[in-house]
PDB file of N, CA and C in Angstrom:
ATOM      1  N   MET A   1       3.448  13.777   2.182  1.00  0.00           N
ATOM      2  CA  MET A   1       2.141  14.008   1.597  1.00  0.00           C
ATOM      3  C   MET A   1       1.313  12.746   1.799  1.00  0.00           C
ATOM      4  N   ASP A   2       0.080  12.895   2.229  1.00  0.00           N
ATOM      5  CA  ASP A   2      -0.840  11.775   2.408  1.00  0.00           C
ATOM      6  C   ASP A   2      -1.921  11.822   1.341  1.00  0.00           C
ATOM      7  N   VAL A   3      -2.207  10.646   0.749  1.00  0.00           N
ATOM      8  CA  VAL A   3      -3.204  10.542  -0.309  1.00  0.00           C
ATOM      9  C   VAL A   3      -4.180   9.430   0.049  1.00  0.00           C
ATOM     10  N   GLU A   4      -5.478   9.723  -0.033  1.00  0.00           N
ATOM     11  CA  GLU A   4      -6.487   8.699   0.215  1.00  0.00           C
ATOM     12  C   GLU A   4      -6.570   7.768  -0.985  1.00  0.00           C
ATOM     13  N   ALA A   5      -6.674   6.457  -0.696  1.00  0.00           N
ATOM     14  CA  ALA A   5      -6.640   5.453  -1.761  1.00  0.00           C
ATOM     15  C   ALA A   5      -7.458   4.236  -1.350  1.00  0.00           C
ATOM     16  N   THR A   6      -7.566   3.278  -2.279  1.00  0.00           N
ATOM     17  CA  THR A   6      -8.270   2.018  -2.050  1.00  0.00           C
ATOM     18  C   THR A   6      -7.364   0.868  -2.466  1.00  0.00           C
ATOM     19  N   VAL A   7      -7.323  -0.182  -1.647  1.00  0.00           N
ATOM     20  CA  VAL A   7      -6.501  -1.356  -1.956  1.00  0.00           C
ATOM     21  C   VAL A   7      -7.133  -2.129  -3.109  1.00  0.00           C
ATOM     22  N   GLU A   8      -6.332  -2.427  -4.132  1.00  0.00           N
ATOM     23  CA  GLU A   8      -6.791  -3.184  -5.299  1.00  0.00           C
ATOM     24  C   GLU A   8      -6.248  -4.615  -5.303  1.00  0.00           C
ATOM     25  N   GLY A   9      -5.179  -4.869  -4.548  1.00  0.00           N
ATOM     26  CA  GLY A   9      -4.598  -6.206  -4.480  1.00  0.00           C
ATOM     27  C   GLY A   9      -3.378  -6.197  -3.586  1.00  0.00           C
ATOM     28  N   MET A  10      -2.919  -7.415  -3.206  1.00  0.00           N
ATOM     29  CA  MET A  10      -1.732  -7.543  -2.370  1.00  0.00           C
ATOM     30  C   MET A  10      -1.018  -8.845  -2.689  1.00  0.00           C
ATOM     31  N   ARG A  11       0.300  -8.830  -2.436  1.00  0.00           N
ATOM     32  CA  ARG A  11       1.112 -10.035  -2.603  1.00  0.00           C
ATOM     33  C   ARG A  11       2.209  -9.992  -1.552  1.00  0.00           C
ATOM     34  N   ALA A  12       2.337 -11.064  -0.788  1.00  0.00           N
ATOM     35  CA  ALA A  12       3.380 -11.155   0.232  1.00  0.00           C
ATOM     36  C   ALA A  12       4.520 -12.019  -0.282  1.00  0.00           C
ATOM     37  N   TYR A  13       5.741 -11.718   0.168  1.00  0.00           N
ATOM     38  CA  TYR A  13       6.900 -12.536  -0.192  1.00  0.00           C
ATOM     39  C   TYR A  13       7.969 -12.391   0.883  1.00  0.00           C
ATOM     40  N   LEU A  14       8.924 -13.311   0.887  1.00  0.00           N
ATOM     41  CA  LEU A  14      10.003 -13.316   1.866  1.00  0.00           C
ATOM     42  C   LEU A  14      11.343 -13.054   1.200  1.00  0.00           C
ATOM     43  N   ILE A  15      12.182 -12.311   1.880  1.00  0.00           N
ATOM     44  CA  ILE A  15      13.583 -12.140   1.481  1.00  0.00           C
ATOM     45  C   ILE A  15      14.400 -12.407   2.741  1.00  0.00           C
ATOM     46  N   HIS A  16      15.192 -13.453   2.727  1.00  0.00           N
ATOM     47  CA  HIS A  16      16.017 -13.833   3.879  1.00  0.00           C
ATOM     48  C   HIS A  16      15.184 -13.886   5.160  1.00  0.00           C
ATOM     49  N   SER A  17      14.035 -14.529   5.082  1.00  0.00           N
ATOM     50  CA  SER A  17      13.107 -14.728   6.205  1.00  0.00           C
ATOM     51  C   SER A  17      12.428 -13.457   6.695  1.00  0.00           C
ATOM     52  N   GLU A  18      12.598 -12.361   5.991  1.00  0.00           N
ATOM     53  CA  GLU A  18      11.897 -11.113   6.320  1.00  0.00           C
ATOM     54  C   GLU A  18      10.711 -10.959   5.374  1.00  0.00           C
ATOM     55  N   GLU A  19       9.539 -10.628   5.933  1.00  0.00           N
ATOM     56  CA  GLU A  19       8.324 -10.529   5.127  1.00  0.00           C
ATOM     57  C   GLU A  19       8.166  -9.131   4.533  1.00  0.00           C
ATOM     58  N   TYR A  20       7.814  -9.111   3.258  1.00  0.00           N
ATOM     59  CA  TYR A  20       7.527  -7.878   2.524  1.00  0.00           C
ATOM     60  C   TYR A  20       6.185  -8.027   1.832  1.00  0.00           C
ATOM     61  N   ARG A  21       5.607  -6.896   1.433  1.00  0.00           N
ATOM     62  CA  ARG A  21       4.331  -6.926   0.718  1.00  0.00           C
ATOM     63  C   ARG A  21       4.360  -5.946  -0.445  1.00  0.00           C
ATOM     64  N   VAL A  22       3.758  -6.384  -1.531  1.00  0.00           N
ATOM     65  CA  VAL A  22       3.467  -5.473  -2.634  1.00  0.00           C
ATOM     66  C   VAL A  22       1.984  -5.141  -2.494  1.00  0.00           C
ATOM     67  N   VAL A  23       1.685  -3.865  -2.368  1.00  0.00           N
ATOM     68  CA  VAL A  23       0.299  -3.415  -2.240  1.00  0.00           C
ATOM     69  C   VAL A  23      -0.059  -2.672  -3.520  1.00  0.00           C
ATOM     70  N   TYR A  24      -1.115  -3.137  -4.183  1.00  0.00           N
ATOM     71  CA  TYR A  24      -1.629  -2.476  -5.378  1.00  0.00           C
ATOM     72  C   TYR A  24      -2.796  -1.598  -4.935  1.00  0.00           C
ATOM     73  N   PHE A  25      -2.803  -0.348  -5.365  1.00  0.00           N
ATOM     74  CA  PHE A  25      -3.822   0.591  -4.900  1.00  0.00           C
ATOM     75  C   PHE A  25      -4.130   1.606  -5.987  1.00  0.00           C
ATOM     76  N   SER A  26      -5.269   2.275  -5.826  1.00  0.00           N
ATOM     77  CA  SER A  26      -5.629   3.386  -6.722  1.00  0.00           C
ATOM     78  C   SER A  26      -5.991   4.579  -5.852  1.00  0.00           C
ATOM     79  N   HIS A  27      -5.536   5.742  -6.257  1.00  0.00           N
ATOM     80  CA  HIS A  27      -5.902   6.975  -5.557  1.00  0.00           C
ATOM     81  C   HIS A  27      -7.388   7.224  -5.767  1.00  0.00           C
ATOM     82  N   ASP A  28      -8.034   7.771  -4.771  1.00  0.00           N
ATOM     83  CA  ASP A  28      -9.478   8.004  -4.870  1.00  0.00           C
ATOM     84  C   ASP A  28      -9.835   8.990  -5.972  1.00  0.00           C
ATOM     85  N   ASP A  29      -8.923   9.888  -6.320  1.00  0.00           N
ATOM     86  CA  ASP A  29      -9.223  10.860  -7.373  1.00  0.00           C
ATOM     87  C   ASP A  29      -8.831  10.351  -8.772  1.00  0.00           C
ATOM     88  N   ASP A  30      -8.306   9.126  -8.864  1.00  0.00           N
ATOM     89  CA  ASP A  30      -7.943   8.526 -10.164  1.00  0.00           C
ATOM     90  C   ASP A  30      -8.062   7.014 -10.056  1.00  0.00           C
ATOM     91  N   ARG A  31      -9.296   6.514 -10.033  1.00  0.00           N
ATOM     92  CA  ARG A  31      -9.549   5.090  -9.828  1.00  0.00           C
ATOM     93  C   ARG A  31      -9.114   4.222 -11.006  1.00  0.00           C
ATOM     94  N   ASP A  32      -8.846   4.802 -12.174  1.00  0.00           N
ATOM     95  CA  ASP A  32      -8.463   4.030 -13.354  1.00  0.00           C
ATOM     96  C   ASP A  32      -6.984   3.653 -13.376  1.00  0.00           C
ATOM     97  N   THR A  33      -6.165   4.285 -12.542  1.00  0.00           N
ATOM     98  CA  THR A  33      -4.725   4.022 -12.524  1.00  0.00           C
ATOM     99  C   THR A  33      -4.374   3.186 -11.307  1.00  0.00           C
ATOM    100  N   ILE A  34      -3.810   1.999 -11.541  1.00  0.00           N
ATOM    101  CA  ILE A  34      -3.381   1.122 -10.460  1.00  0.00           C
ATOM    102  C   ILE A  34      -1.888   1.347 -10.215  1.00  0.00           C
ATOM    103  N   LEU A  35      -1.548   1.679  -8.980  1.00  0.00           N
ATOM    104  CA  LEU A  35      -0.169   1.903  -8.575  1.00  0.00           C
ATOM    105  C   LEU A  35       0.242   0.773  -7.640  1.00  0.00           C
ATOM    106  N   ASN A  36       1.535   0.666  -7.340  1.00  0.00           N
ATOM    107  CA  ASN A  36       1.963  -0.335  -6.373  1.00  0.00           C
ATOM    108  C   ASN A  36       3.104   0.191  -5.528  1.00  0.00           C
ATOM    109  N   ALA A  37       3.220  -0.401  -4.353  1.00  0.00           N
ATOM    110  CA  ALA A  37       4.310  -0.066  -3.433  1.00  0.00           C
ATOM    111  C   ALA A  37       4.824  -1.362  -2.834  1.00  0.00           C
ATOM    112  N   GLN A  38       6.142  -1.495  -2.756  1.00  0.00           N
ATOM    113  CA  GLN A  38       6.775  -2.653  -2.123  1.00  0.00           C
ATOM    114  C   GLN A  38       7.340  -2.193  -0.789  1.00  0.00           C
ATOM    115  N   LEU A  39       6.777  -2.729   0.293  1.00  0.00           N
ATOM    116  CA  LEU A  39       7.117  -2.277   1.636  1.00  0.00           C
ATOM    117  C   LEU A  39       7.364  -3.465   2.555  1.00  0.00           C
ATOM    118  N   SER A  40       8.108  -3.220   3.627  1.00  0.00           N
ATOM    119  CA  SER A  40       8.250  -4.265   4.638  1.00  0.00           C
ATOM    120  C   SER A  40       6.895  -4.456   5.314  1.00  0.00           C
ATOM    121  N   ALA A  41       6.681  -5.626   5.854  1.00  0.00           N
ATOM    122  CA  ALA A  41       5.384  -5.961   6.445  1.00  0.00           C
ATOM    123  C   ALA A  41       5.003  -5.017   7.582  1.00  0.00           C
ATOM    124  N   ASP A  42       5.987  -4.476   8.299  1.00  0.00           N
ATOM    125  CA  ASP A  42       5.663  -3.577   9.406  1.00  0.00           C
ATOM    126  C   ASP A  42       5.213  -2.196   8.954  1.00  0.00           C
ATOM    127  N   ALA A  43       5.330  -1.876   7.672  1.00  0.00           N
ATOM    128  CA  ALA A  43       4.878  -0.589   7.136  1.00  0.00           C
ATOM    129  C   ALA A  43       3.468  -0.678   6.554  1.00  0.00           C
ATOM    130  N   VAL A  44       2.855  -1.876   6.662  1.00  0.00           N
ATOM    131  CA  VAL A  44       1.520  -2.118   6.110  1.00  0.00           C
ATOM    132  C   VAL A  44       0.634  -2.638   7.241  1.00  0.00           C
ATOM    133  N   PRO A  45      -0.607  -2.131   7.374  1.00  0.00           N
ATOM    134  CA  PRO A  45      -1.493  -2.622   8.426  1.00  0.00           C
ATOM    135  C   PRO A  45      -1.757  -4.128   8.283  1.00  0.00           C
ATOM    136  N   THR A  46      -1.894  -4.801   9.413  1.00  0.00           N
ATOM    137  CA  THR A  46      -2.216  -6.226   9.383  1.00  0.00           C
ATOM    138  C   THR A  46      -3.646  -6.424   8.904  1.00  0.00           C
ATOM    139  N   ASN A  47      -3.895  -7.578   8.300  1.00  0.00           N
ATOM    140  CA  ASN A  47      -5.227  -7.952   7.802  1.00  0.00           C
ATOM    141  C   ASN A  47      -5.789  -6.973   6.782  1.00  0.00           C
ATOM    142  N   LEU A  48      -4.940  -6.333   6.021  1.00  0.00           N
ATOM    143  CA  LEU A  48      -5.388  -5.439   4.959  1.00  0.00           C
ATOM    144  C   LEU A  48      -5.996  -6.271   3.841  1.00  0.00           C
ATOM    145  N   ARG A  49      -7.135  -5.851   3.316  1.00  0.00           N
ATOM    146  CA  ARG A  49      -7.849  -6.619   2.287  1.00  0.00           C
ATOM    147  C   ARG A  49      -8.197  -5.731   1.097  1.00  0.00           C
ATOM    148  N   VAL A  50      -8.444  -6.383  -0.027  1.00  0.00           N
ATOM    149  CA  VAL A  50      -8.885  -5.673  -1.232  1.00  0.00           C
ATOM    150  C   VAL A  50     -10.163  -4.917  -0.909  1.00  0.00           C
ATOM    151  N   GLY A  51     -10.217  -3.667  -1.323  1.00  0.00           N
ATOM    152  CA  GLY A  51     -11.387  -2.822  -1.082  1.00  0.00           C
ATOM    153  C   GLY A  51     -11.256  -1.934   0.143  1.00  0.00           C
ATOM    154  N   ASP A  52     -10.256  -2.209   1.000  1.00  0.00           N
ATOM    155  CA  ASP A  52     -10.063  -1.371   2.191  1.00  0.00           C
ATOM    156  C   ASP A  52      -9.646   0.039   1.788  1.00  0.00           C
ATOM    157  N   HIS A  53     -10.115   0.996   2.560  1.00  0.00           N
ATOM    158  CA  HIS A  53      -9.748   2.398   2.341  1.00  0.00           C
ATOM    159  C   HIS A  53      -8.502   2.691   3.164  1.00  0.00           C
ATOM    160  N   ILE A  54      -7.502   3.277   2.514  1.00  0.00           N
ATOM    161  CA  ILE A  54      -6.218   3.515   3.143  1.00  0.00           C
ATOM    162  C   ILE A  54      -5.748   4.944   2.903  1.00  0.00           C
ATOM    163  N   VAL A  55      -4.703   5.302   3.601  1.00  0.00           N
ATOM    164  CA  VAL A  55      -3.980   6.553   3.356  1.00  0.00           C
ATOM    165  C   VAL A  55      -2.549   6.155   3.015  1.00  0.00           C
ATOM    166  N   VAL A  56      -2.083   6.606   1.860  1.00  0.00           N
ATOM    167  CA  VAL A  56      -0.731   6.307   1.405  1.00  0.00           C
ATOM    168  C   VAL A  56       0.142   7.515   1.729  1.00  0.00           C
ATOM    169  N   HIS A  57       1.232   7.267   2.449  1.00  0.00           N
ATOM    170  CA  HIS A  57       2.138   8.351   2.836  1.00  0.00           C
ATOM    171  C   HIS A  57       3.326   8.373   1.880  1.00  0.00           C
ATOM    172  N   TYR A  58       3.512   9.498   1.189  1.00  0.00           N
ATOM    173  CA  TYR A  58       4.603   9.694   0.234  1.00  0.00           C
ATOM    174  C   TYR A  58       5.659  10.613   0.830  1.00  0.00           C
ATOM    175  N   LEU A  59       6.905  10.327   0.514  1.00  0.00           N
ATOM    176  CA  LEU A  59       8.015  11.209   0.834  1.00  0.00           C
ATOM    177  C   LEU A  59       8.898  11.261  -0.408  1.00  0.00           C
ATOM    178  N   LEU A  60       9.050  12.445  -0.986  1.00  0.00           N
ATOM    179  CA  LEU A  60       9.809  12.619  -2.232  1.00  0.00           C
ATOM    180  C   LEU A  60       9.294  11.699  -3.338  1.00  0.00           C
ATOM    181  N   ASN A  61       7.971  11.636  -3.493  1.00  0.00           N
ATOM    182  CA  ASN A  61       7.293  10.825  -4.522  1.00  0.00           C
ATOM    183  C   ASN A  61       7.517   9.330  -4.377  1.00  0.00           C
ATOM    184  N   MET A  62       7.856   8.872  -3.177  1.00  0.00           N
ATOM    185  CA  MET A  62       8.065   7.455  -2.918  1.00  0.00           C
ATOM    186  C   MET A  62       7.169   7.058  -1.740  1.00  0.00           C
ATOM    187  N   VAL A  63       6.484   5.919  -1.862  1.00  0.00           N
ATOM    188  CA  VAL A  63       5.620   5.457  -0.780  1.00  0.00           C
ATOM    189  C   VAL A  63       6.495   4.959   0.363  1.00  0.00           C
ATOM    190  N   VAL A  64       6.272   5.505   1.561  1.00  0.00           N
ATOM    191  CA  VAL A  64       7.045   5.098   2.736  1.00  0.00           C
ATOM    192  C   VAL A  64       6.171   4.456   3.811  1.00  0.00           C
ATOM    193  N   GLY A  65       4.860   4.496   3.610  1.00  0.00           N
ATOM    194  CA  GLY A  65       3.971   3.866   4.577  1.00  0.00           C
ATOM    195  C   GLY A  65       2.524   3.887   4.132  1.00  0.00           C
ATOM    196  N   ILE A  66       1.764   2.971   4.690  1.00  0.00           N
ATOM    197  CA  ILE A  66       0.333   2.871   4.408  1.00  0.00           C
ATOM    198  C   ILE A  66      -0.364   2.669   5.739  1.00  0.00           C
ATOM    199  N   ARG A  67      -1.494   3.354   5.914  1.00  0.00           N
ATOM    200  CA  ARG A  67      -2.298   3.149   7.131  1.00  0.00           C
ATOM    201  C   ARG A  67      -3.765   3.124   6.745  1.00  0.00           C
ATOM    202  N   ARG A  68      -4.572   2.566   7.620  1.00  0.00           N
ATOM    203  CA  ARG A  68      -6.024   2.554   7.387  1.00  0.00           C
ATOM    204  C   ARG A  68      -6.589   3.960   7.532  1.00  0.00           C
ATOM    205  N   ARG A  69      -7.668   4.205   6.782  1.00  0.00           N
ATOM    206  CA  ARG A  69      -8.360   5.486   6.915  1.00  0.00           C
ATOM    207  C   ARG A  69      -9.272   5.460   8.090  1.00  0.00           C
TER     208      ARG A  69
END
């Protein structure tokens, strides 16, 4: 399932030299609820910034990828 959303914040971190990101976002149909997803850096577009419009891809109610709209 794909859901249109907006980036509200991001945080990068390393685990054993592998880069991961926590992406904070809100669905366009519920801007008051901030959600987050922890993904490997390759599952998140490069140069993603707060305010960017994205599509969040869910599989079994779990975020498995994010792409630009």
